[in-house]
Protein backbone atom coordinates (compact mmCIF):
# COMPACT_ATOMS: atom_id res chain seq x y z
CA MET A 1 -8.50 16.50 -3.73
CA LYS A 2 -10.54 18.66 -1.41
CA LYS A 3 -9.43 19.17 2.16
CA GLU A 4 -12.77 17.79 3.37
CA GLU A 5 -12.00 14.43 1.73
CA LEU A 6 -8.61 14.08 3.43
CA VAL A 7 -8.05 12.49 6.85
CA PRO A 8 -6.09 14.52 9.39
CA VAL A 9 -3.02 12.63 10.61
CA ILE A 10 -3.84 13.57 14.20
CA ASP A 11 -7.30 11.98 13.88
CA PHE A 12 -5.80 8.81 12.41
CA CYS A 13 -3.30 8.67 15.27
CA LEU A 14 -5.97 9.14 17.92
CA TYR A 15 -8.24 6.50 16.37
CA HIS A 16 -5.44 3.92 15.99
CA ASN A 17 -3.55 4.88 19.15
CA ALA A 18 -0.47 5.58 17.01
CA GLU A 19 2.20 8.17 17.60
CA PRO A 20 2.54 11.03 15.10
CA GLU A 21 6.32 10.42 15.12
CA PHE A 22 5.69 6.91 13.79
CA ILE A 23 3.61 8.32 10.93
CA ASN A 24 6.35 10.83 10.20
CA SER A 25 8.94 8.03 10.17
CA LEU A 26 6.87 6.15 7.59
CA ARG A 27 6.81 9.30 5.49
CA GLU A 28 10.59 9.71 5.80
CA TYR A 29 11.05 6.13 4.53
CA GLU A 30 8.63 7.01 1.70
CA LEU A 31 6.22 4.29 2.80
CA ILE A 32 3.30 6.74 2.93
CA GLU A 33 2.41 10.11 1.49
CA ILE A 34 1.30 13.03 3.62
CA THR A 35 -0.43 16.08 2.20
CA LEU A 36 0.15 19.41 3.91
CA VAL A 37 -2.70 21.90 3.86
CA GLU A 38 -2.32 25.09 5.85
CA ASP A 39 0.44 23.52 7.99
CA GLN A 40 -1.79 20.54 8.81
CA ALA A 41 -0.82 16.98 7.83
CA TYR A 42 -3.43 14.90 6.02
CA LEU A 43 -3.72 11.39 4.60
CA HIS A 44 -5.49 10.35 1.42
CA PRO A 45 -8.44 8.06 2.28
CA ASP A 46 -7.39 5.53 -0.40
CA HIS A 47 -4.09 5.02 1.45
CA LEU A 48 -5.66 4.21 4.82
CA PRO A 49 -5.90 0.41 4.44
CA ARG A 50 -2.19 0.21 3.63
CA LEU A 51 -1.32 2.54 6.51
CA GLU A 52 -3.44 0.48 8.89
CA LYS A 53 -1.47 -2.60 7.80
CA LEU A 54 1.80 -0.79 8.56
CA VAL A 55 0.48 0.27 11.97
CA ARG A 56 -0.35 -3.36 12.80
CA LEU A 57 3.12 -4.50 11.73
CA TYR A 58 4.72 -1.90 13.98
CA TYR A 59 2.52 -2.01 17.07
CA ASP A 60 1.10 -5.54 17.06
CA LEU A 61 4.08 -7.46 15.67
CA ASP A 62 6.77 -5.11 17.03
CA ILE A 63 8.53 -4.78 13.67
CA ASN A 64 10.76 -1.72 13.35
CA ILE A 65 10.57 0.79 10.50
CA GLN A 66 13.48 -0.80 8.63
CA GLY A 67 11.77 -4.18 8.83
CA ILE A 68 8.51 -2.68 7.64
CA ASP A 69 10.36 -1.15 4.69
CA VAL A 70 11.80 -4.55 3.74
CA ILE A 71 8.42 -6.28 4.13
CA ASN A 72 6.75 -3.57 2.05
CA ASN A 73 9.30 -3.98 -0.76
CA LEU A 74 8.83 -7.76 -0.77
CA LEU A 75 5.04 -7.41 -0.84
CA GLU A 76 5.26 -4.99 -3.75
CA ARG A 77 7.49 -7.43 -5.65
CA MET A 78 5.06 -10.27 -4.96
CA GLU A 79 2.15 -8.20 -6.24
CA SER A 80 4.09 -7.34 -9.39
CA MET A 81 4.91 -11.01 -9.92
CA LYS A 82 1.24 -11.97 -9.43
CA GLN A 83 0.20 -9.48 -12.09
CA GLU A 84 2.87 -10.80 -14.44
CA MET A 85 1.67 -14.36 -13.86
CA VAL A 86 -1.89 -13.37 -14.77
CA VAL A 87 -0.65 -11.80 -18.01
CA LEU A 88 1.39 -14.91 -18.85
CA LYS A 89 -1.53 -17.24 -18.05
CA ASN A 90 -3.78 -15.19 -20.30
CA ARG A 91 -1.23 -15.41 -23.12
CA ILE A 92 -0.95 -19.16 -22.70
CA GLN A 93 -4.72 -19.52 -22.69
CA LEU A 94 -5.02 -17.39 -25.81
CA SER A 95 -2.32 -19.42 -27.51
CA ASP A 96 -4.03 -22.67 -26.55
CA ASP A 97 -7.35 -21.35 -27.84
CA ILE A 98 -5.79 -20.42 -31.17
CA TRP A 99 -3.95 -23.74 -31.64
CA ASN A 100 -6.89 -25.85 -30.51
CA ALA A 101 -9.53 -24.02 -32.51
CA PRO A 102 -11.48 -26.26 -34.89
CA VAL A 103 -10.38 -26.08 -38.49
CA GLU A 104 -13.14 -25.40 -40.95
């Protein structure tokens, strides 16, 4: 990805009134990825919505980093379970379609 497409961490922090130390803590807990280019920290634009959610959890709801980590893990599990449910529903529907197909 080109440097021009990345978002500087300092700009994100200024815009969201977040501390760079908080962003670094999220990186240490492997909750976000930071790209270093010429000793500057950058964020991938696709990761911004998730990071904004983490910022709200921390600053608006006063949840600490450990709590955010737990919440993040639970949300990831829920998303995985949702995807599995869709697959299973599709299999059931396919099975129903096959068994209920008219016989010629």
